[in-house]
C-alpha cells in the first residue's frame, strides 16, 4: 500500500528551497555530501517531526507536539542530506541541513512501510530523553500531519542508531513500545542502606 505523505506547509518548503539556492547556506552547512553533490538538489518526502514530551501512565494518550518538518535532500538517485524547518513567530523557517545515519535509516524504513498491506501516514517521532528517533506510521491517513495523537494501533519503527536493547527497523505497536520506553525513563528506586 502506498504511504500517504502529508503535504508540508508551503512556507516550510519555500524556506528549504531558498536555503538550497543560497551558496552561503550550502557552503556553511556541516554536510560534506551536500557541498560535494553534483547536479541539482531537491527537497523530497516532507515528514512532520513530532516530539514526545512525556510518556504518560497506561490508559492515557502520550503528549506529542509538532516541532518542525524534515525534508530529505535528493541529488540524482540518492538522498545526500536532510533539511529541517522550524516554526517561528513569523511562520515556518529553514533551520539547518544535516547528514548521518538517520537519513539512510529513514529511507529504509519508508521502503519497508510502503510494502505493508495497510496504508499509513508517515511522520517522525523524537524521544529526546533516549536520543531516539522513530518513524511513526499513523493509521488515520486523513489527519493533518501537524495534528493527531499516538493511537495504540499506530506503529513506531526505531531508526538506527537505536538505543541499546531496542531493535532498529522493527515495527512496534505504540501500545507495545511505549511501556518499554517508560520503563527506561523511570529512575530506578534508591536502595536504602542497612541500618
N, C-alpha and C. Protein backbone atom coordinates (compact mmCIF):
# COMPACT_ATOMS: atom_id res chain seq x y z
N UNK A 1 0.85 -1.17 0.00
CA UNK A 1 0.00 0.00 0.00
C UNK A 1 0.89 1.24 0.00
N UNK A 2 0.51 2.23 -0.74
CA UNK A 2 1.33 3.45 -0.72
C UNK A 2 1.16 4.20 0.59
N UNK A 3 2.21 4.90 0.96
CA UNK A 3 2.13 5.77 2.12
C UNK A 3 1.43 7.06 1.72
N UNK A 4 0.70 7.63 2.64
CA UNK A 4 0.02 8.90 2.41
C UNK A 4 0.83 10.00 3.07
N UNK A 5 1.78 10.56 2.33
CA UNK A 5 2.67 11.60 2.87
C UNK A 5 1.89 12.90 2.96
N UNK A 6 1.79 13.49 4.16
CA UNK A 6 1.03 14.74 4.28
C UNK A 6 1.79 15.88 3.60
N UNK A 7 1.06 16.84 3.05
CA UNK A 7 1.75 17.97 2.42
C UNK A 7 2.37 18.87 3.48
N UNK A 8 3.58 19.31 3.22
CA UNK A 8 4.25 20.24 4.13
C UNK A 8 3.67 21.64 3.93
N UNK A 9 3.73 22.47 4.95
CA UNK A 9 3.29 23.86 4.74
C UNK A 9 4.14 24.52 3.65
N UNK A 10 3.50 25.24 2.76
CA UNK A 10 4.21 25.88 1.64
C UNK A 10 5.36 26.76 2.11
N UNK A 11 5.22 27.54 3.20
CA UNK A 11 6.37 28.36 3.65
C UNK A 11 7.57 27.51 4.09
N UNK A 12 7.31 26.33 4.64
CA UNK A 12 8.42 25.45 5.05
C UNK A 12 9.19 24.99 3.81
N UNK A 13 8.46 24.57 2.78
CA UNK A 13 9.11 24.15 1.54
C UNK A 13 9.86 25.31 0.89
N UNK A 14 9.24 26.47 0.85
CA UNK A 14 9.91 27.63 0.25
C UNK A 14 11.20 27.98 0.99
N UNK A 15 11.20 27.83 2.33
CA UNK A 15 12.41 28.16 3.10
C UNK A 15 13.54 27.18 2.78
N UNK A 16 13.20 25.92 2.56
CA UNK A 16 14.24 24.93 2.21
C UNK A 16 14.74 25.18 0.79
N UNK A 17 13.84 25.47 -0.13
CA UNK A 17 14.26 25.79 -1.50
C UNK A 17 15.17 27.02 -1.52
N UNK A 18 14.86 28.02 -0.71
CA UNK A 18 15.69 29.22 -0.64
C UNK A 18 17.07 28.88 -0.08
N UNK A 19 17.12 28.02 0.94
CA UNK A 19 18.41 27.63 1.51
C UNK A 19 19.23 26.83 0.50
N UNK A 20 18.58 25.93 -0.25
CA UNK A 20 19.30 25.17 -1.27
C UNK A 20 19.82 26.08 -2.38
N UNK A 21 19.11 27.16 -2.64
CA UNK A 21 19.54 28.09 -3.68
C UNK A 21 20.56 29.11 -3.20
N UNK A 22 20.87 29.07 -1.91
CA UNK A 22 21.83 30.02 -1.35
C UNK A 22 23.21 29.39 -1.27
N UNK A 23 24.17 29.85 -2.04
CA UNK A 23 25.52 29.27 -1.95
C UNK A 23 26.10 29.38 -0.54
N UNK A 24 25.75 30.45 0.17
CA UNK A 24 26.26 30.62 1.53
C UNK A 24 25.71 29.55 2.46
N UNK A 25 24.39 29.31 2.41
CA UNK A 25 23.78 28.31 3.29
C UNK A 25 24.34 26.92 3.02
N UNK A 26 24.51 26.56 1.75
CA UNK A 26 25.03 25.24 1.41
C UNK A 26 26.51 25.14 1.77
N UNK A 27 27.28 26.18 1.49
CA UNK A 27 28.72 26.15 1.77
C UNK A 27 29.00 26.07 3.27
N UNK A 28 28.18 26.76 4.07
CA UNK A 28 28.40 26.76 5.51
C UNK A 28 27.76 25.57 6.23
N UNK A 29 27.01 24.77 5.52
CA UNK A 29 26.38 23.59 6.12
C UNK A 29 27.45 22.58 6.51
N UNK A 30 27.24 21.91 7.60
CA UNK A 30 28.19 20.88 8.04
C UNK A 30 27.83 19.55 7.41
N UNK A 31 27.60 19.57 6.13
CA UNK A 31 27.22 18.37 5.39
C UNK A 31 28.11 18.25 4.17
N UNK A 32 29.24 17.57 4.31
CA UNK A 32 30.16 17.43 3.17
C UNK A 32 29.49 16.84 1.94
N UNK A 33 28.57 15.90 2.13
CA UNK A 33 27.94 15.27 0.96
C UNK A 33 27.06 16.27 0.20
N UNK A 34 26.44 17.21 0.89
CA UNK A 34 25.64 18.22 0.21
C UNK A 34 26.54 19.21 -0.52
N UNK A 35 27.63 19.61 0.11
CA UNK A 35 28.57 20.54 -0.54
C UNK A 35 29.21 19.91 -1.77
N UNK A 36 29.43 18.59 -1.73
CA UNK A 36 30.10 17.90 -2.83
C UNK A 36 29.13 17.38 -3.90
N UNK A 37 27.83 17.52 -3.66
CA UNK A 37 26.83 16.97 -4.59
C UNK A 37 26.96 17.59 -5.96
N UNK A 38 26.88 16.74 -6.97
CA UNK A 38 26.93 17.19 -8.36
C UNK A 38 25.51 17.25 -8.90
N UNK A 39 25.15 18.35 -9.47
CA UNK A 39 23.81 18.46 -10.05
C UNK A 39 22.85 19.11 -9.08
N UNK A 40 21.61 19.27 -9.53
CA UNK A 40 20.61 19.94 -8.70
C UNK A 40 20.18 19.07 -7.52
N UNK A 41 19.92 19.71 -6.40
CA UNK A 41 19.42 19.03 -5.20
C UNK A 41 17.97 19.45 -5.00
N UNK A 42 17.12 18.50 -4.63
CA UNK A 42 15.71 18.84 -4.44
C UNK A 42 15.20 18.26 -3.13
N UNK A 43 14.34 19.01 -2.43
CA UNK A 43 13.74 18.51 -1.19
C UNK A 43 12.59 17.56 -1.52
N UNK A 44 12.59 16.40 -0.87
CA UNK A 44 11.55 15.40 -1.11
C UNK A 44 11.09 14.81 0.21
N UNK A 45 10.01 14.07 0.15
CA UNK A 45 9.46 13.35 1.30
C UNK A 45 9.38 14.21 2.56
N UNK A 46 8.57 15.25 2.55
CA UNK A 46 8.43 16.05 3.77
C UNK A 46 7.74 15.25 4.86
N UNK A 47 8.35 15.20 6.02
CA UNK A 47 7.77 14.47 7.15
C UNK A 47 7.65 15.40 8.34
N UNK A 48 6.46 15.45 8.95
CA UNK A 48 6.34 16.25 10.16
C UNK A 48 7.13 15.58 11.29
N UNK A 49 7.84 16.39 12.05
CA UNK A 49 8.64 15.88 13.17
C UNK A 49 7.91 16.24 14.46
N UNK A 50 7.50 15.22 15.18
CA UNK A 50 6.83 15.40 16.47
C UNK A 50 7.79 15.01 17.58
N UNK A 51 7.65 15.63 18.72
CA UNK A 51 8.47 15.31 19.88
C UNK A 51 7.57 14.72 20.94
N UNK A 52 8.00 13.61 21.52
CA UNK A 52 7.27 13.01 22.62
C UNK A 52 7.67 13.76 23.88
N UNK A 53 6.78 14.62 24.35
CA UNK A 53 7.10 15.45 25.51
C UNK A 53 7.21 14.64 26.79
N UNK A 54 6.31 13.71 26.93
CA UNK A 54 6.38 12.86 28.12
C UNK A 54 5.56 11.60 27.88
N UNK A 55 5.98 10.54 28.49
CA UNK A 55 5.23 9.29 28.41
C UNK A 55 4.30 9.29 29.61
N UNK A 56 3.04 9.01 29.35
CA UNK A 56 2.04 9.08 30.40
C UNK A 56 1.70 7.68 30.89
N UNK A 57 1.05 7.58 32.04
CA UNK A 57 0.65 6.26 32.54
C UNK A 57 -0.25 5.53 31.55
N UNK A 58 -0.27 4.22 31.67
CA UNK A 58 -1.10 3.42 30.76
C UNK A 58 -2.54 3.89 30.81
N UNK A 59 -3.19 3.83 29.66
CA UNK A 59 -4.59 4.22 29.58
C UNK A 59 -4.80 5.67 29.18
N UNK A 60 -3.75 6.47 29.12
CA UNK A 60 -3.89 7.85 28.67
C UNK A 60 -3.01 8.06 27.43
N UNK A 61 -3.38 9.06 26.65
CA UNK A 61 -2.63 9.33 25.42
C UNK A 61 -1.34 10.06 25.73
N UNK A 62 -0.24 9.61 25.14
CA UNK A 62 1.03 10.32 25.33
C UNK A 62 0.95 11.72 24.71
N UNK A 63 1.71 12.63 25.24
CA UNK A 63 1.71 14.00 24.77
C UNK A 63 2.81 14.20 23.73
N UNK A 64 2.42 14.66 22.54
CA UNK A 64 3.38 14.98 21.49
C UNK A 64 3.12 16.40 21.02
N UNK A 65 4.14 16.99 20.41
CA UNK A 65 3.98 18.31 19.82
C UNK A 65 4.78 18.36 18.52
N UNK A 66 4.26 19.10 17.57
CA UNK A 66 4.95 19.28 16.29
C UNK A 66 6.13 20.22 16.52
N UNK A 67 7.32 19.80 16.10
CA UNK A 67 8.50 20.65 16.28
C UNK A 67 9.05 21.17 14.96
N UNK A 68 8.65 20.56 13.84
CA UNK A 68 9.15 21.01 12.55
C UNK A 68 8.79 20.06 11.44
N UNK A 69 9.32 20.33 10.27
CA UNK A 69 9.18 19.45 9.11
C UNK A 69 10.57 19.12 8.61
N UNK A 70 10.78 17.87 8.24
CA UNK A 70 12.08 17.42 7.71
C UNK A 70 11.89 17.00 6.26
N UNK A 71 12.81 17.46 5.43
CA UNK A 71 12.83 17.11 4.01
C UNK A 71 14.11 16.34 3.72
N UNK A 72 14.00 15.23 3.01
CA UNK A 72 15.20 14.55 2.53
C UNK A 72 15.67 15.30 1.29
N UNK A 73 16.96 15.57 1.20
CA UNK A 73 17.51 16.29 0.06
C UNK A 73 18.12 15.28 -0.89
N UNK A 74 17.51 15.17 -2.06
CA UNK A 74 17.93 14.20 -3.06
C UNK A 74 18.75 14.89 -4.14
N UNK A 75 19.81 14.20 -4.51
CA UNK A 75 20.65 14.65 -5.61
C UNK A 75 20.90 13.41 -6.47
N UNK A 76 20.38 13.43 -7.67
CA UNK A 76 20.49 12.25 -8.51
C UNK A 76 19.62 11.13 -7.96
N UNK A 77 20.22 9.98 -7.76
CA UNK A 77 19.48 8.80 -7.33
C UNK A 77 19.46 8.57 -5.82
N UNK A 78 20.08 9.45 -5.05
CA UNK A 78 20.14 9.16 -3.61
C UNK A 78 19.95 10.43 -2.79
N UNK A 79 19.58 10.23 -1.54
CA UNK A 79 19.48 11.34 -0.60
C UNK A 79 20.87 11.60 -0.04
N UNK A 80 21.28 12.86 -0.05
CA UNK A 80 22.62 13.21 0.39
C UNK A 80 22.59 13.96 1.72
N UNK A 81 21.42 14.45 2.12
CA UNK A 81 21.32 15.22 3.36
C UNK A 81 19.83 15.34 3.71
N UNK A 82 19.57 16.08 4.76
CA UNK A 82 18.20 16.42 5.14
C UNK A 82 18.19 17.88 5.55
N UNK A 83 17.01 18.46 5.48
CA UNK A 83 16.83 19.85 5.90
C UNK A 83 15.68 19.90 6.88
N UNK A 84 15.92 20.57 8.00
CA UNK A 84 14.87 20.76 9.00
C UNK A 84 14.36 22.18 8.94
N UNK A 85 13.05 22.33 9.17
CA UNK A 85 12.45 23.64 9.32
C UNK A 85 11.86 23.73 10.71
N UNK A 86 11.61 24.95 11.15
CA UNK A 86 11.03 25.15 12.47
C UNK A 86 9.99 26.26 12.41
N UNK A 87 9.08 26.23 13.36
CA UNK A 87 8.05 27.25 13.42
C UNK A 87 8.56 28.40 14.28
N UNK A 88 8.54 29.60 13.72
CA UNK A 88 8.96 30.80 14.43
C UNK A 88 7.73 31.71 14.59
N UNK A 89 7.85 32.78 15.36
CA UNK A 89 6.72 33.71 15.45
C UNK A 89 6.30 34.28 14.10
N UNK A 90 7.22 34.29 13.13
CA UNK A 90 6.90 34.79 11.79
C UNK A 90 6.46 33.70 10.82
N UNK A 91 6.36 32.46 11.28
CA UNK A 91 5.97 31.35 10.42
C UNK A 91 7.09 30.34 10.27
N UNK A 92 6.96 29.47 9.27
CA UNK A 92 7.95 28.42 9.05
C UNK A 92 9.23 28.99 8.47
N UNK A 93 10.37 28.51 9.01
CA UNK A 93 11.68 28.98 8.56
C UNK A 93 12.65 27.81 8.48
N UNK A 94 13.60 27.92 7.56
CA UNK A 94 14.67 26.93 7.45
C UNK A 94 15.47 26.93 8.76
N UNK A 95 15.83 25.74 9.23
CA UNK A 95 16.63 25.62 10.45
C UNK A 95 18.06 25.24 10.12
N UNK A 96 18.26 24.04 9.53
CA UNK A 96 19.62 23.60 9.22
C UNK A 96 19.60 22.38 8.30
N UNK A 97 20.74 22.16 7.65
CA UNK A 97 20.99 20.94 6.89
C UNK A 97 21.77 19.99 7.79
N UNK A 98 21.63 18.69 7.56
CA UNK A 98 22.46 17.72 8.27
C UNK A 98 22.53 16.44 7.48
N UNK A 99 23.45 15.58 7.86
CA UNK A 99 23.55 14.25 7.26
C UNK A 99 23.85 13.27 8.39
N UNK A 100 23.90 12.01 8.07
CA UNK A 100 24.19 11.00 9.07
C UNK A 100 23.33 9.77 8.89
N UNK A 101 23.40 8.85 9.84
CA UNK A 101 22.74 7.56 9.68
C UNK A 101 21.21 7.62 9.66
N UNK A 102 20.61 8.65 10.25
CA UNK A 102 19.15 8.71 10.25
C UNK A 102 18.57 8.89 8.85
N UNK A 103 19.34 9.43 7.93
CA UNK A 103 18.83 9.63 6.57
C UNK A 103 18.63 8.29 5.87
N UNK A 104 19.65 7.45 5.85
CA UNK A 104 19.51 6.14 5.21
C UNK A 104 18.54 5.26 6.00
N UNK A 105 18.53 5.40 7.30
CA UNK A 105 17.61 4.61 8.12
C UNK A 105 16.16 5.01 7.85
N UNK A 106 15.93 6.30 7.67
CA UNK A 106 14.57 6.77 7.35
C UNK A 106 14.14 6.22 5.99
N UNK A 107 15.02 6.31 5.00
CA UNK A 107 14.68 5.79 3.67
C UNK A 107 14.37 4.30 3.72
N UNK A 108 15.20 3.55 4.44
CA UNK A 108 15.00 2.10 4.54
C UNK A 108 13.64 1.80 5.19
N UNK A 109 13.34 2.49 6.28
CA UNK A 109 12.08 2.24 6.99
C UNK A 109 10.88 2.65 6.14
N UNK A 110 11.01 3.72 5.37
CA UNK A 110 9.91 4.13 4.48
C UNK A 110 9.67 3.09 3.39
N UNK A 111 10.75 2.52 2.84
CA UNK A 111 10.60 1.47 1.82
C UNK A 111 9.86 0.26 2.40
N UNK A 112 10.20 -0.14 3.61
CA UNK A 112 9.53 -1.28 4.25
C UNK A 112 8.06 -0.94 4.51
N UNK A 113 7.78 0.28 4.93
CA UNK A 113 6.40 0.69 5.21
C UNK A 113 5.56 0.69 3.95
N UNK A 114 6.17 1.06 2.82
CA UNK A 114 5.45 1.06 1.55
C UNK A 114 4.96 -0.34 1.19
N UNK A 115 5.67 -1.36 1.65
CA UNK A 115 5.31 -2.74 1.31
C UNK A 115 4.27 -3.33 2.26
N UNK A 116 3.89 -2.61 3.29
CA UNK A 116 2.90 -3.12 4.25
C UNK A 116 1.51 -3.15 3.61
N UNK A 117 0.67 -4.08 4.02
CA UNK A 117 -0.66 -4.20 3.41
C UNK A 117 -1.65 -3.12 3.85
N UNK A 118 -1.32 -2.33 4.87
CA UNK A 118 -2.22 -1.32 5.40
C UNK A 118 -1.63 0.06 5.08
N UNK A 119 -2.46 1.02 4.66
CA UNK A 119 -1.93 2.36 4.40
C UNK A 119 -1.65 3.11 5.70
N UNK A 120 -0.58 3.89 5.69
CA UNK A 120 -0.21 4.69 6.85
C UNK A 120 0.18 6.08 6.40
N UNK A 121 0.13 7.02 7.34
CA UNK A 121 0.67 8.36 7.14
C UNK A 121 2.00 8.42 7.88
N UNK A 122 3.12 8.61 7.18
CA UNK A 122 4.42 8.62 7.85
C UNK A 122 4.71 9.96 8.52
N UNK A 123 5.30 9.86 9.70
CA UNK A 123 5.75 11.01 10.47
C UNK A 123 7.04 10.59 11.17
N UNK A 124 7.71 11.53 11.78
CA UNK A 124 8.85 11.20 12.62
C UNK A 124 8.49 11.56 14.06
N UNK A 125 8.93 10.73 14.98
CA UNK A 125 8.70 10.97 16.40
C UNK A 125 10.03 10.91 17.12
N UNK A 126 10.38 12.00 17.77
CA UNK A 126 11.63 12.09 18.51
C UNK A 126 11.35 11.86 20.00
N UNK A 127 12.22 11.07 20.63
CA UNK A 127 12.17 10.84 22.08
C UNK A 127 13.49 11.38 22.62
N UNK A 128 13.55 12.68 22.92
CA UNK A 128 14.83 13.30 23.28
C UNK A 128 15.54 12.67 24.47
N UNK A 129 14.79 12.24 25.48
CA UNK A 129 15.42 11.67 26.68
C UNK A 129 16.23 10.41 26.37
N UNK A 130 15.88 9.71 25.29
CA UNK A 130 16.59 8.49 24.92
C UNK A 130 17.45 8.68 23.67
N UNK A 131 17.56 9.91 23.19
CA UNK A 131 18.28 10.18 21.93
C UNK A 131 17.79 9.22 20.85
N UNK A 132 16.47 9.15 20.72
CA UNK A 132 15.84 8.16 19.85
C UNK A 132 14.93 8.86 18.84
N UNK A 133 14.98 8.37 17.60
CA UNK A 133 14.10 8.86 16.55
C UNK A 133 13.40 7.65 15.95
N UNK A 134 12.09 7.78 15.76
CA UNK A 134 11.32 6.68 15.17
C UNK A 134 10.53 7.20 13.98
N UNK A 135 10.26 6.28 13.06
CA UNK A 135 9.29 6.54 12.01
C UNK A 135 7.94 6.20 12.62
N UNK A 136 7.06 7.16 12.66
CA UNK A 136 5.72 6.99 13.24
C UNK A 136 4.76 6.75 12.09
N UNK A 137 4.19 5.57 12.03
CA UNK A 137 3.23 5.21 10.99
C UNK A 137 1.83 5.35 11.58
N UNK A 138 1.19 6.45 11.24
CA UNK A 138 -0.12 6.81 11.78
C UNK A 138 -1.21 6.18 10.94
N UNK A 139 -2.17 5.52 11.58
CA UNK A 139 -3.21 4.80 10.86
C UNK A 139 -4.21 5.72 10.16
N UNK A 140 -4.52 6.87 10.74
CA UNK A 140 -5.51 7.75 10.15
C UNK A 140 -4.85 8.62 9.09
N UNK A 141 -4.98 8.20 7.84
CA UNK A 141 -4.32 8.90 6.73
C UNK A 141 -4.98 10.23 6.39
N UNK A 142 -6.14 10.50 6.97
CA UNK A 142 -6.83 11.77 6.70
C UNK A 142 -6.41 12.86 7.67
N UNK A 143 -5.70 12.51 8.74
CA UNK A 143 -5.24 13.51 9.70
C UNK A 143 -4.30 14.50 9.06
N UNK A 144 -4.34 15.71 9.56
CA UNK A 144 -3.35 16.72 9.19
C UNK A 144 -2.03 16.24 9.81
N UNK A 145 -0.94 16.27 9.07
CA UNK A 145 0.33 15.79 9.59
C UNK A 145 0.81 16.52 10.82
N UNK A 146 0.31 17.74 11.03
CA UNK A 146 0.72 18.53 12.19
C UNK A 146 -0.07 18.16 13.44
N UNK A 147 -1.21 17.52 13.25
CA UNK A 147 -2.08 17.20 14.37
C UNK A 147 -2.10 15.70 14.61
N UNK A 148 -2.82 15.30 15.59
CA UNK A 148 -3.00 13.88 15.86
C UNK A 148 -2.25 13.43 17.08
N UNK A 149 -2.76 12.40 17.67
CA UNK A 149 -2.12 11.82 18.83
C UNK A 149 -1.71 10.39 18.50
N UNK A 150 -0.79 9.88 19.28
CA UNK A 150 -0.38 8.49 19.11
C UNK A 150 -1.55 7.58 19.44
N UNK A 151 -1.95 6.78 18.49
CA UNK A 151 -3.01 5.79 18.73
C UNK A 151 -2.35 4.46 19.07
N UNK A 152 -3.00 3.67 19.88
CA UNK A 152 -2.44 2.38 20.30
C UNK A 152 -2.13 1.48 19.11
N UNK A 153 -2.86 1.66 17.99
CA UNK A 153 -2.66 0.81 16.81
C UNK A 153 -1.63 1.38 15.84
N UNK A 154 -1.15 2.60 16.08
CA UNK A 154 -0.09 3.15 15.24
C UNK A 154 1.17 2.33 15.42
N UNK A 155 2.05 2.39 14.44
CA UNK A 155 3.33 1.68 14.53
C UNK A 155 4.47 2.69 14.71
N UNK A 156 5.45 2.30 15.51
CA UNK A 156 6.68 3.07 15.67
C UNK A 156 7.83 2.18 15.23
N UNK A 157 8.66 2.70 14.34
CA UNK A 157 9.80 1.95 13.82
C UNK A 157 11.07 2.69 14.27
N UNK A 158 11.78 2.19 15.29
CA UNK A 158 13.00 2.87 15.72
C UNK A 158 14.01 2.94 14.58
N UNK A 159 14.58 4.13 14.39
CA UNK A 159 15.58 4.32 13.36
C UNK A 159 16.97 4.06 13.94
N UNK A 160 17.88 3.64 13.07
CA UNK A 160 19.25 3.35 13.51
C UNK A 160 20.05 4.64 13.51
N UNK A 161 20.84 4.88 14.53
CA UNK A 161 21.10 4.00 15.67
C UNK A 161 20.00 4.13 16.73
N UNK A 162 19.52 2.99 17.19
CA UNK A 162 18.50 2.95 18.24
C UNK A 162 19.19 2.76 19.59
N UNK A 163 18.52 3.11 20.67
CA UNK A 163 19.12 2.89 21.99
C UNK A 163 19.40 1.41 22.23
N UNK A 164 20.38 1.10 23.07
CA UNK A 164 20.69 -0.31 23.36
C UNK A 164 19.44 -1.06 23.83
N UNK A 165 19.27 -2.26 23.31
CA UNK A 165 18.14 -3.11 23.71
C UNK A 165 16.88 -2.88 22.90
N UNK A 166 16.89 -1.91 21.99
CA UNK A 166 15.73 -1.65 21.13
C UNK A 166 16.18 -1.87 19.70
N UNK A 167 15.55 -2.82 19.03
CA UNK A 167 15.96 -3.18 17.67
C UNK A 167 15.53 -2.11 16.68
N UNK A 168 16.49 -1.65 15.89
CA UNK A 168 16.18 -0.68 14.83
C UNK A 168 15.45 -1.38 13.69
N UNK A 169 14.59 -0.64 13.02
CA UNK A 169 13.86 -1.08 11.84
C UNK A 169 12.80 -2.15 12.13
N UNK A 170 12.53 -2.43 13.38
CA UNK A 170 11.48 -3.40 13.73
C UNK A 170 10.23 -2.64 14.14
N UNK A 171 9.11 -2.80 13.39
CA UNK A 171 7.88 -2.08 13.76
C UNK A 171 7.31 -2.59 15.08
N UNK A 172 6.90 -1.65 15.92
CA UNK A 172 6.25 -1.96 17.20
C UNK A 172 4.93 -1.19 17.25
N UNK A 173 3.90 -1.81 17.77
CA UNK A 173 2.68 -1.06 18.05
C UNK A 173 2.99 -0.10 19.19
N UNK A 174 2.37 1.07 19.14
CA UNK A 174 2.58 2.07 20.19
C UNK A 174 2.33 1.46 21.56
N UNK A 175 1.28 0.65 21.66
CA UNK A 175 0.93 0.03 22.95
C UNK A 175 2.03 -0.91 23.47
N UNK A 176 2.89 -1.42 22.58
CA UNK A 176 4.00 -2.29 22.99
C UNK A 176 5.25 -1.50 23.33
N UNK A 177 5.58 -0.49 22.49
CA UNK A 177 6.85 0.20 22.64
C UNK A 177 6.83 1.23 23.77
N UNK A 178 5.74 1.96 23.94
CA UNK A 178 5.73 3.00 24.96
C UNK A 178 5.99 2.48 26.37
N UNK A 179 5.42 1.33 26.77
CA UNK A 179 5.77 0.82 28.11
C UNK A 179 7.27 0.52 28.25
N UNK A 180 7.91 0.03 27.17
CA UNK A 180 9.37 -0.20 27.22
C UNK A 180 10.11 1.11 27.41
N UNK A 181 9.69 2.14 26.68
CA UNK A 181 10.34 3.44 26.80
C UNK A 181 10.10 4.03 28.18
N UNK A 182 8.90 3.88 28.68
CA UNK A 182 8.56 4.40 30.00
C UNK A 182 9.43 3.73 31.06
N UNK A 183 9.64 2.43 30.91
CA UNK A 183 10.48 1.69 31.86
C UNK A 183 11.91 2.23 31.83
N UNK A 184 12.41 2.54 30.63
CA UNK A 184 13.78 3.07 30.51
C UNK A 184 13.91 4.47 31.10
N UNK A 185 12.82 5.24 31.04
CA UNK A 185 12.87 6.62 31.52
C UNK A 185 12.55 6.75 33.00
N UNK A 186 12.02 5.69 33.61
CA UNK A 186 11.68 5.73 35.03
C UNK A 186 12.94 5.46 35.84
N UNK A 187 13.32 6.37 36.74
CA UNK A 187 14.53 6.13 37.53
C UNK A 187 14.34 4.93 38.45
N UNK A 188 15.42 4.19 38.59
CA UNK A 188 15.38 3.03 39.50
C UNK A 188 15.24 3.53 40.93
N UNK A 189 14.50 2.80 41.75
CA UNK A 189 14.35 3.23 43.14
C UNK A 189 15.69 3.12 43.87
N UNK A 190 15.91 4.06 44.74
CA UNK A 190 17.13 4.04 45.52
C UNK A 190 17.03 2.96 46.59
N UNK A 191 18.06 2.19 46.70
CA UNK A 191 18.07 1.17 47.74
C UNK A 191 18.57 1.80 49.03
N UNK A 192 17.84 1.57 50.08
CA UNK A 192 18.29 2.14 51.36
C UNK A 192 19.38 1.23 51.95
N UNK A 193 20.33 1.87 52.57
CA UNK A 193 21.41 1.09 53.16
C UNK A 193 20.97 0.49 54.47
N UNK A 194 21.47 -0.70 54.81
CA UNK A 194 21.06 -1.33 56.06
C UNK A 194 21.50 -0.47 57.25
N UNK A 195 20.67 -0.44 58.25
CA UNK A 195 20.96 0.38 59.44
C UNK A 195 21.93 -0.32 60.36
